[in-house]
Amino acid sequence: MELLKEKKRVALYSILVNLFLSILKISAGILSGSKVLLADGIHSLADLAAAFSVYAGIVIANMKVKGFPYGLYKVENIISLVSAFAIFFAGYEIAKDSLFSDEVIRVKNLPLAVGAVVLTIVITYFFSRYERKKGEELNSPSLIADSEHIKTDMFSSLVVLAGIVGNYLGFPIIEKIAVVIILLFIFHAGYEIMIEALKVLLDASIDKKTLDKIKETILSHPLVYEVKSITGRSSGSYKFIEAEVSVLTNDLEKAHNIVHEVEAKVKRDHPFIEKILIHFEPVEKKEKLFAVPVEGDRVCGKFAECPEILFLKNENGKLKEIKRIKNPVANLKFGKCIELTELLAKEGVDCVAVNNLPLGKGVIYALSAYNIGMKLIPTEELTSFIKQLEREPYCEPPLAVWNSHACDINPEERVEGTGTDRER
């Protein structure tokens, strides 16, 4: 709640600053007779409309109204669309009076006009820095974007200053050129506001760059094999995402847990996502992928400490070597077993074939969590190991393998009569 109040406070400050600048420039433009300053005042109205949209988005996002289950977020875009047409009309009036009029109006009060511009530069510089800092602290992309919008006002003020001085020195053409430049700023701002509002109101897709980033986040989960499709639409400042993924498990409860973990991570890493809906299905794999820890031409019995991992694929009853990679976690001091398990899950491994049980049941639980089976073949000679694996390519749940064979190493590793493991 405090975070929301702070966001609203900063957004309200932005509205007040832009309102003050608009009144300042328009008033100074009328009193001094500066067309370019008057045009820049209209440009500040575009910034005011943008600031109001940010504030409206923050407020409306937290309103829950019966009959509007998807929220009132698009009110923000309706306001933006109306503002865009108002900006276009104001720009047209400025162009008509300044560019298509034969009357030449000289600046009558240079100190007033220059003072208004200098004050604008000072205010926009310091407030844009303040708003950006607050936007970063509050993790608010809309406040950061608004700070950049205000900063552009500082640069346009330099153009205004040149036009005012040119007019005062008897070169009205300089002011006309400055007015044209400011008009380009005005129509560009109005166009951007209009297009963004229409895209949201017509449920256009979110830009590809944003969807690609969200897709990367989804794929970062080790048990998400593939993102088959991902779509999204905006509503106000917020986004609604829908994705279809393949997961590396046939267990319905585990698949639900995977999806919930992914949804939470997407919302955490990508601000302003109101809702994400993920449909899942198990991976349809016709070929099974095995991973074998090896050392040269022998099977290695130290699991995560083994220097290499051999990948084999079962194709038409034959095992084919896919690749052999250097074990990237072999030299880690802590957590190497978990890191290796995550690596194997990301590679899409279905079964780990070993010649010895790993030390400690942490690996067993990790393999179970990632839905990776286990095959125990007690031989070090790689050729005979692969031949036996080819004859018997079935795997078992890691806990079942542990319960079946741990007593051969240490009888206390199995709790008699319960069929369950005891924590060490």
Protein backbone atom coordinates (compact mmCIF):
# COMPACT_ATOMS: atom_id res chain seq x y z
CA MET A 1 0.00 0.00 0.00
CA GLU A 2 2.84 2.40 0.84
CA LEU A 3 4.45 1.58 -2.50
CA LEU A 4 1.22 2.47 -4.32
CA LYS A 5 0.90 5.76 -2.40
CA GLU A 6 4.47 6.71 -3.29
CA LYS A 7 3.89 5.96 -6.99
CA LYS A 8 0.71 8.05 -6.99
CA ARG A 9 2.51 10.89 -5.22
CA VAL A 10 5.34 11.03 -7.78
CA ALA A 11 2.88 10.77 -10.70
CA LEU A 12 0.84 13.63 -9.20
CA TYR A 13 4.00 15.74 -8.92
CA SER A 14 4.58 15.12 -12.63
CA ILE A 15 1.07 16.37 -13.45
CA LEU A 16 1.58 19.52 -11.39
CA VAL A 17 5.00 20.21 -12.94
CA ASN A 18 3.68 19.83 -16.49
CA LEU A 19 0.60 21.91 -15.69
CA PHE A 20 2.80 24.69 -14.29
CA LEU A 21 5.11 24.59 -17.34
CA SER A 22 2.15 24.71 -19.75
CA ILE A 23 0.64 27.74 -18.01
CA LEU A 24 4.05 29.42 -17.72
CA LYS A 25 4.91 29.04 -21.40
CA ILE A 26 1.49 29.88 -22.78
CA SER A 27 1.17 32.94 -20.53
CA ALA A 28 4.71 34.13 -21.26
CA GLY A 29 4.16 33.49 -24.98
CA ILE A 30 1.00 35.63 -25.04
CA LEU A 31 2.49 38.45 -22.92
CA SER A 32 5.79 38.58 -24.81
CA GLY A 33 4.32 37.98 -28.27
CA SER A 34 6.51 34.89 -28.85
CA LYS A 35 4.81 32.38 -31.14
CA VAL A 36 7.48 29.76 -30.59
CA LEU A 37 7.07 29.97 -26.80
CA LEU A 38 3.31 29.63 -27.21
CA ALA A 39 3.86 26.56 -29.43
CA ASP A 40 6.15 25.05 -26.79
CA GLY A 41 3.39 25.60 -24.24
CA ILE A 42 1.13 23.43 -26.40
CA HIS A 43 3.94 20.86 -26.51
CA SER A 44 3.92 20.83 -22.70
CA LEU A 45 0.20 20.04 -22.83
CA ALA A 46 1.17 16.80 -24.59
CA ASP A 47 3.50 16.04 -21.69
CA LEU A 48 0.65 16.88 -19.30
CA ALA A 49 -1.60 14.38 -21.09
CA ALA A 50 1.09 11.71 -20.81
CA ALA A 51 1.61 12.45 -17.10
CA PHE A 52 -2.13 12.26 -16.48
CA SER A 53 -2.24 8.86 -18.24
CA VAL A 54 0.50 7.55 -15.96
CA TYR A 55 -1.40 8.73 -12.88
CA ALA A 56 -4.69 7.32 -14.18
CA GLY A 57 -3.00 3.99 -14.91
CA ILE A 58 -1.64 3.71 -11.36
CA VAL A 59 -5.02 4.61 -9.80
CA ILE A 60 -7.27 2.60 -12.13
CA ALA A 61 -5.05 -0.48 -11.88
CA ASN A 62 -6.12 -0.94 -8.28
CA MET A 63 -9.85 -0.41 -8.80
CA LYS A 64 -12.01 -3.53 -8.73
CA VAL A 65 -15.50 -2.99 -10.17
CA LYS A 66 -18.19 -5.64 -10.36
CA GLY A 67 -19.13 -6.30 -13.98
CA PHE A 68 -15.60 -5.50 -15.19
CA PRO A 69 -13.63 -8.67 -14.35
CA TYR A 70 -10.72 -7.57 -16.54
CA GLY A 71 -10.46 -4.21 -14.83
CA LEU A 72 -10.90 -0.63 -16.02
CA TYR A 73 -7.38 -0.28 -17.37
CA LYS A 74 -8.50 0.86 -20.84
CA VAL A 75 -10.00 4.05 -19.40
CA GLU A 76 -6.41 5.28 -19.39
CA ASN A 77 -6.16 4.66 -23.14
CA ILE A 78 -9.47 6.38 -23.86
CA ILE A 79 -8.20 9.45 -22.00
CA SER A 80 -4.95 9.27 -23.99
CA LEU A 81 -6.83 9.09 -27.31
CA VAL A 82 -8.94 12.16 -26.50
CA SER A 83 -5.79 13.98 -25.40
CA ALA A 84 -4.05 13.13 -28.69
CA PHE A 85 -6.82 14.73 -30.79
CA ALA A 86 -6.78 17.80 -28.53
CA ILE A 87 -3.02 18.09 -29.09
CA PHE A 88 -3.46 17.78 -32.88
CA PHE A 89 -6.06 20.55 -32.87
CA ALA A 90 -3.87 22.85 -30.76
CA GLY A 91 -0.93 22.20 -33.07
CA TYR A 92 -3.06 23.03 -36.09
CA GLU A 93 -4.13 26.35 -34.55
CA ILE A 94 -0.49 27.24 -33.77
CA ALA A 95 0.59 26.37 -37.33
CA LYS A 96 -2.25 28.43 -38.82
CA ASP A 97 -1.45 31.51 -36.75
CA SER A 98 2.34 31.31 -36.91
CA LEU A 99 3.18 29.95 -40.35
CA PHE A 100 0.32 31.06 -42.58
CA SER A 101 -0.16 34.56 -41.29
CA ASP A 102 1.44 37.57 -42.99
CA GLU A 103 1.51 39.51 -39.73
CA VAL A 104 4.98 39.71 -38.19
CA ILE A 105 4.87 40.01 -34.40
CA ARG A 106 8.08 41.03 -32.66
CA VAL A 107 8.93 39.81 -29.19
CA LYS A 108 8.01 42.69 -26.87
CA ASN A 109 9.39 41.47 -23.57
CA LEU A 110 12.64 39.58 -24.02
CA PRO A 111 13.47 39.15 -20.28
CA LEU A 112 10.04 37.57 -19.65
CA ALA A 113 10.33 35.17 -22.58
CA VAL A 114 13.94 34.19 -21.85
CA GLY A 115 13.20 33.87 -18.12
CA ALA A 116 10.33 31.47 -18.84
CA VAL A 117 12.59 29.32 -21.02
CA VAL A 118 15.46 29.26 -18.50
CA LEU A 119 13.05 28.36 -15.68
CA THR A 120 11.66 25.56 -17.86
CA ILE A 121 15.14 24.14 -18.47
CA VAL A 122 15.98 24.19 -14.75
CA ILE A 123 12.67 22.61 -13.66
CA THR A 124 12.69 19.86 -16.32
CA TYR A 125 16.32 18.97 -15.65
CA PHE A 126 15.95 18.50 -11.90
CA PHE A 127 12.46 16.95 -11.95
CA SER A 128 13.36 14.42 -14.66
CA ARG A 129 16.31 13.29 -12.53
CA TYR A 130 14.12 13.06 -9.42
CA GLU A 131 11.37 11.12 -11.21
CA ARG A 132 13.80 8.67 -12.79
CA LYS A 133 15.43 7.99 -9.42
CA LYS A 134 12.03 7.37 -7.83
CA GLY A 135 10.95 5.21 -10.78
CA GLU A 136 14.00 2.98 -10.31
CA GLU A 137 13.46 2.79 -6.54
CA LEU A 138 9.78 1.87 -6.98
CA ASN A 139 10.43 -0.42 -9.97
CA SER A 140 7.97 1.63 -12.05
CA PRO A 141 8.59 1.62 -15.82
CA SER A 142 5.81 4.20 -16.34
CA LEU A 143 7.51 6.73 -14.04
CA ILE A 144 10.87 6.11 -15.74
CA ALA A 145 9.29 6.62 -19.17
CA ASP A 146 7.60 9.80 -17.99
CA SER A 147 10.94 11.14 -16.71
CA GLU A 148 12.42 10.64 -20.18
CA HIS A 149 9.39 12.40 -21.68
CA ILE A 150 9.95 15.43 -19.43
CA LYS A 151 13.65 15.48 -20.28
CA THR A 152 12.81 16.07 -23.95
CA ASP A 153 11.12 19.32 -22.88
CA MET A 154 14.53 20.58 -21.81
CA PHE A 155 15.99 20.03 -25.28
CA SER A 156 13.02 21.61 -27.07
CA SER A 157 13.48 24.68 -24.81
CA LEU A 158 16.87 25.30 -26.42
CA VAL A 159 15.15 25.52 -29.82
CA VAL A 160 12.60 27.91 -28.32
CA LEU A 161 15.36 30.10 -26.92
CA ALA A 162 17.00 30.37 -30.35
CA GLY A 163 13.67 31.36 -31.92
CA ILE A 164 12.97 34.04 -29.30
CA VAL A 165 16.42 35.63 -29.63
CA GLY A 166 16.22 35.48 -33.45
CA ASN A 167 12.86 37.27 -33.44
CA TYR A 168 14.06 39.92 -31.03
CA LEU A 169 17.14 40.63 -33.15
CA GLY A 170 14.98 41.18 -36.24
CA PHE A 171 15.16 37.73 -37.86
CA PRO A 172 11.57 36.41 -37.69
CA ILE A 173 12.47 33.57 -40.07
CA ILE A 174 14.50 32.00 -37.24
CA GLU A 175 11.38 31.97 -35.06
CA LYS A 176 9.34 30.39 -37.87
CA ILE A 177 11.94 27.65 -38.23
CA ALA A 178 11.86 27.12 -34.46
CA VAL A 179 8.03 26.94 -34.58
CA VAL A 180 8.23 24.25 -37.29
CA ILE A 181 10.62 22.20 -35.14
CA ILE A 182 8.37 22.51 -32.08
CA LEU A 183 5.33 21.60 -34.22
CA LEU A 184 7.13 18.43 -35.25
CA PHE A 185 7.60 17.63 -31.56
CA ILE A 186 3.91 18.33 -30.93
CA PHE A 187 2.56 16.16 -33.78
CA HIS A 188 5.05 13.39 -33.04
CA ALA A 189 3.98 13.32 -29.37
CA GLY A 190 0.28 13.34 -30.36
CA TYR A 191 0.85 10.60 -32.95
CA GLU A 192 2.64 8.35 -30.45
CA ILE A 193 -0.09 8.83 -27.83
CA MET A 194 -2.81 8.10 -30.44
CA ILE A 195 -1.15 4.98 -31.87
CA GLU A 196 -0.42 3.46 -28.45
CA ALA A 197 -4.00 4.13 -27.34
CA LEU A 198 -5.51 2.60 -30.50
CA LYS A 199 -3.29 -0.47 -30.32
CA VAL A 200 -4.49 -1.18 -26.78
CA LEU A 201 -8.15 -0.41 -27.50
CA LEU A 202 -8.07 -2.76 -30.51
CA ASP A 203 -6.26 -5.49 -28.53
CA ALA A 204 -3.14 -5.44 -30.68
CA SER A 205 -0.39 -7.84 -29.71
CA ILE A 206 2.37 -6.80 -27.34
CA ASP A 207 5.61 -6.02 -29.17
CA LYS A 208 7.81 -8.98 -30.14
CA LYS A 209 10.76 -7.80 -28.02
CA THR A 210 8.69 -7.95 -24.82
CA LEU A 211 7.20 -11.35 -25.71
CA ASP A 212 10.68 -12.73 -26.46
CA LYS A 213 11.91 -11.61 -23.03
CA ILE A 214 8.94 -13.28 -21.33
CA LYS A 215 9.56 -16.42 -23.40
CA GLU A 216 13.19 -16.50 -22.20
CA THR A 217 11.98 -16.31 -18.60
CA ILE A 218 9.57 -19.23 -19.15
CA LEU A 219 12.27 -21.35 -20.79
CA SER A 220 14.68 -20.67 -17.91
CA HIS A 221 12.77 -23.23 -15.83
CA PRO A 222 14.61 -26.56 -16.23
CA LEU A 223 11.40 -28.57 -16.67
CA VAL A 224 9.93 -26.38 -19.41
CA TYR A 225 10.99 -28.09 -22.64
CA GLU A 226 9.39 -25.78 -25.20
CA VAL A 227 7.20 -22.70 -25.54
CA LYS A 228 4.83 -23.64 -28.35
CA SER A 229 3.10 -20.28 -28.51
CA ILE A 230 2.95 -17.02 -26.59
CA THR A 231 0.59 -14.10 -27.09
CA GLY A 232 -0.22 -10.98 -25.12
CA ARG A 233 -2.29 -7.83 -25.13
CA SER A 234 -2.16 -4.59 -23.21
CA SER A 235 -4.88 -2.91 -21.18
CA GLY A 236 -3.85 0.49 -19.94
CA SER A 237 -0.35 0.15 -18.54
CA TYR A 238 -0.87 -3.54 -17.78
CA LYS A 239 -0.34 -6.70 -19.82
CA PHE A 240 -2.20 -10.00 -20.11
CA ILE A 241 -0.11 -12.95 -21.29
CA GLU A 242 -1.13 -16.39 -22.52
CA ALA A 243 1.32 -19.18 -23.35
CA GLU A 244 1.31 -22.85 -24.32
CA VAL A 245 4.26 -24.90 -23.09
CA SER A 246 5.57 -28.46 -23.05
CA VAL A 247 6.80 -29.71 -19.68
CA LEU A 248 9.16 -32.57 -18.88
CA THR A 249 6.76 -34.55 -16.70
CA ASN A 250 3.69 -36.73 -16.99
CA ASP A 251 2.73 -36.08 -13.37
CA LEU A 252 -0.28 -33.74 -13.36
CA GLU A 253 0.38 -32.32 -9.88
CA LYS A 254 4.04 -31.68 -10.67
CA ALA A 255 3.09 -30.01 -13.97
CA HIS A 256 0.74 -27.67 -12.09
CA ASN A 257 3.53 -26.78 -9.67
CA ILE A 258 5.90 -26.05 -12.57
CA VAL A 259 3.36 -23.72 -14.16
CA HIS A 260 2.76 -21.87 -10.87
CA GLU A 261 6.53 -21.41 -10.41
CA VAL A 262 6.89 -20.07 -13.96
CA GLU A 263 3.93 -17.68 -13.59
CA ALA A 264 5.36 -16.29 -10.34
CA LYS A 265 8.79 -15.78 -11.92
CA VAL A 266 7.35 -14.00 -14.97
CA LYS A 267 5.35 -11.61 -12.77
CA ARG A 268 8.41 -10.99 -10.59
CA ASP A 269 10.81 -10.32 -13.49
CA HIS A 270 8.45 -8.35 -15.75
CA PRO A 271 6.54 -5.46 -14.13
CA PHE A 272 2.98 -4.50 -15.07
CA ILE A 273 1.83 -8.02 -15.94
CA GLU A 274 -1.65 -8.26 -14.47
CA LYS A 275 -2.29 -11.87 -15.45
CA ILE A 276 -0.45 -14.74 -17.11
CA LEU A 277 -2.22 -17.93 -18.13
CA ILE A 278 -0.09 -20.93 -19.09
CA HIS A 279 -1.50 -24.07 -20.73
CA PHE A 280 0.72 -27.12 -20.46
CA GLU A 281 1.12 -30.56 -21.92
CA PRO A 282 3.75 -33.26 -21.45
CA VAL A 283 6.55 -33.57 -23.99
CA GLU A 284 5.88 -36.22 -26.62
CA LYS A 285 9.30 -37.85 -26.94
CA LYS A 286 9.69 -40.85 -29.23
CA GLU A 287 13.38 -41.20 -28.37
CA LYS A 288 14.88 -41.45 -24.90
CA LEU A 289 17.97 -39.43 -23.99
CA PHE A 290 20.49 -40.97 -21.58
CA ALA A 291 23.33 -39.24 -19.73
CA VAL A 292 26.38 -41.22 -18.57
CA PRO A 293 29.12 -39.72 -16.35
CA VAL A 294 32.45 -40.79 -17.92
CA GLU A 295 36.19 -40.42 -17.59
CA GLY A 296 37.90 -41.16 -20.89
CA ASP A 297 36.72 -44.56 -22.11
CA ARG A 298 35.43 -45.69 -18.72
CA VAL A 299 32.23 -45.06 -16.77
CA CYS A 300 32.91 -42.73 -13.85
CA GLY A 301 31.39 -43.57 -10.46
CA LYS A 302 31.66 -40.13 -8.83
CA PHE A 303 28.66 -38.52 -10.59
CA ALA A 304 29.07 -34.71 -10.31
CA GLU A 305 32.88 -34.97 -9.95
CA CYS A 306 33.26 -36.85 -13.23
CA PRO A 307 35.14 -34.85 -15.87
CA GLU A 308 32.73 -35.53 -18.78
CA ILE A 309 29.11 -36.37 -19.53
CA LEU A 310 28.24 -38.67 -22.44
CA PHE A 311 24.81 -38.27 -24.08
CA LEU A 312 23.21 -41.27 -25.78
CA LYS A 313 19.92 -41.42 -27.67
CA ASN A 314 17.85 -44.55 -28.08
CA GLU A 315 16.87 -44.77 -31.76
CA ASN A 316 15.11 -47.88 -33.11
CA GLY A 317 16.49 -50.03 -30.32
CA LYS A 318 20.08 -48.81 -30.80
CA LEU A 319 22.01 -46.37 -28.66
CA LYS A 320 23.65 -43.58 -30.62
CA GLU A 321 26.20 -41.19 -29.15
CA ILE A 322 24.88 -37.62 -29.51
CA LYS A 323 27.65 -35.64 -27.87
CA ARG A 324 30.20 -35.64 -25.08
CA ILE A 325 30.62 -32.48 -23.02
CA LYS A 326 33.01 -31.35 -20.34
CA ASN A 327 31.33 -31.33 -16.93
CA PRO A 328 31.05 -27.58 -16.15
CA VAL A 329 30.38 -28.12 -12.42
CA ALA A 330 33.11 -30.65 -11.64
CA ASN A 331 35.30 -28.09 -9.88
CA LEU A 332 32.61 -26.35 -7.86
CA LYS A 333 33.15 -26.46 -4.12
CA PHE A 334 29.48 -26.63 -3.13
CA GLY A 335 26.21 -27.64 -4.80
CA LYS A 336 27.78 -29.42 -7.77
CA CYS A 337 25.29 -32.32 -7.67
CA ILE A 338 22.25 -30.02 -7.82
CA GLU A 339 23.87 -27.88 -10.54
CA LEU A 340 24.60 -30.97 -12.66
CA THR A 341 21.05 -32.24 -12.20
CA GLU A 342 19.66 -28.89 -13.39
CA LEU A 343 22.00 -29.00 -16.40
CA LEU A 344 20.78 -32.49 -17.33
CA ALA A 345 17.16 -31.37 -16.97
CA LYS A 346 17.76 -28.44 -19.32
CA GLU A 347 19.35 -30.82 -21.84
CA GLY A 348 16.13 -32.86 -21.79
CA VAL A 349 17.71 -35.99 -20.27
CA ASP A 350 15.22 -38.76 -19.49
CA CYS A 351 17.54 -41.09 -17.61
CA VAL A 352 20.93 -40.98 -15.88
CA ALA A 353 22.83 -44.27 -16.27
CA VAL A 354 25.46 -44.81 -13.55
CA ASN A 355 27.66 -47.64 -12.32
CA ASN A 356 27.49 -46.56 -8.70
CA LEU A 357 24.97 -44.75 -6.51
CA PRO A 358 25.78 -41.10 -5.81
CA LEU A 359 26.94 -40.24 -2.30
CA GLY A 360 24.03 -38.72 -0.43
CA LYS A 361 20.35 -38.78 -1.16
CA GLY A 362 20.23 -35.10 -2.18
CA VAL A 363 21.00 -36.11 -5.77
CA ILE A 364 18.24 -38.72 -5.66
CA TYR A 365 15.67 -36.16 -4.55
CA ALA A 366 16.90 -33.65 -7.14
CA LEU A 367 16.61 -36.18 -9.97
CA SER A 368 13.10 -37.08 -8.78
CA ALA A 369 12.10 -33.40 -8.68
CA TYR A 370 13.21 -32.97 -12.30
CA ASN A 371 11.50 -36.19 -13.40
CA ILE A 372 14.78 -37.84 -14.45
CA GLY A 373 14.96 -41.62 -14.11
CA MET A 374 17.97 -43.70 -13.09
CA LYS A 375 19.63 -46.88 -14.37
CA LEU A 376 22.29 -48.69 -12.32
CA ILE A 377 24.74 -50.94 -14.22
CA PRO A 378 27.69 -51.93 -12.00
CA THR A 379 30.55 -51.97 -14.53
CA GLU A 380 33.28 -49.48 -15.44
CA GLU A 381 34.00 -50.71 -18.98
CA LEU A 382 32.13 -48.28 -21.26
CA THR A 383 31.47 -50.60 -24.23
CA SER A 384 29.88 -53.35 -22.14
CA PHE A 385 28.01 -50.70 -20.12
CA ILE A 386 26.42 -49.28 -23.31
CA LYS A 387 25.60 -52.77 -24.64
CA GLN A 388 23.79 -53.68 -21.42
CA LEU A 389 21.96 -50.34 -21.45
CA GLU A 390 20.96 -51.03 -25.06
CA ARG A 391 19.55 -54.45 -24.06
CA GLU A 392 17.76 -53.01 -21.00
CA PRO A 393 16.87 -49.37 -21.83
CA TYR A 394 14.23 -49.05 -19.12
CA CYS A 395 14.78 -46.76 -16.15
CA GLU A 396 13.35 -46.58 -12.66
CA PRO A 397 12.48 -43.72 -10.31
CA PRO A 398 15.68 -42.68 -8.47
CA LEU A 399 14.16 -43.38 -5.02
CA ALA A 400 13.24 -46.90 -6.10
CA VAL A 401 16.82 -47.52 -7.28
CA TRP A 402 18.17 -46.13 -4.01
CA ASN A 403 15.88 -48.32 -1.88
CA SER A 404 16.81 -51.37 -3.92
CA HIS A 405 20.57 -50.93 -3.77
CA ALA A 406 21.52 -48.55 -0.92
CA CYS A 407 21.56 -51.42 1.59
CA ASP A 408 24.43 -52.94 -0.40
CA ILE A 409 26.48 -49.88 0.56
CA ASN A 410 25.07 -49.04 3.99
CA PRO A 411 22.11 -51.01 5.44
CA GLU A 412 21.08 -48.03 7.58
CA GLU A 413 20.21 -46.03 4.47
CA ARG A 414 16.93 -47.97 4.22
CA VAL A 415 14.21 -47.95 6.84
CA GLU A 416 13.04 -51.52 7.17
CA GLY A 417 9.35 -52.21 7.06
CA THR A 418 8.29 -48.83 5.67
CA GLY A 419 9.84 -48.78 2.20
CA THR A 420 10.82 -45.17 2.75
CA ASP A 421 14.12 -43.36 3.07
CA ARG A 422 15.34 -41.95 6.32
CA GLU A 423 16.97 -38.52 6.39
CA ARG A 424 20.66 -38.58 7.21
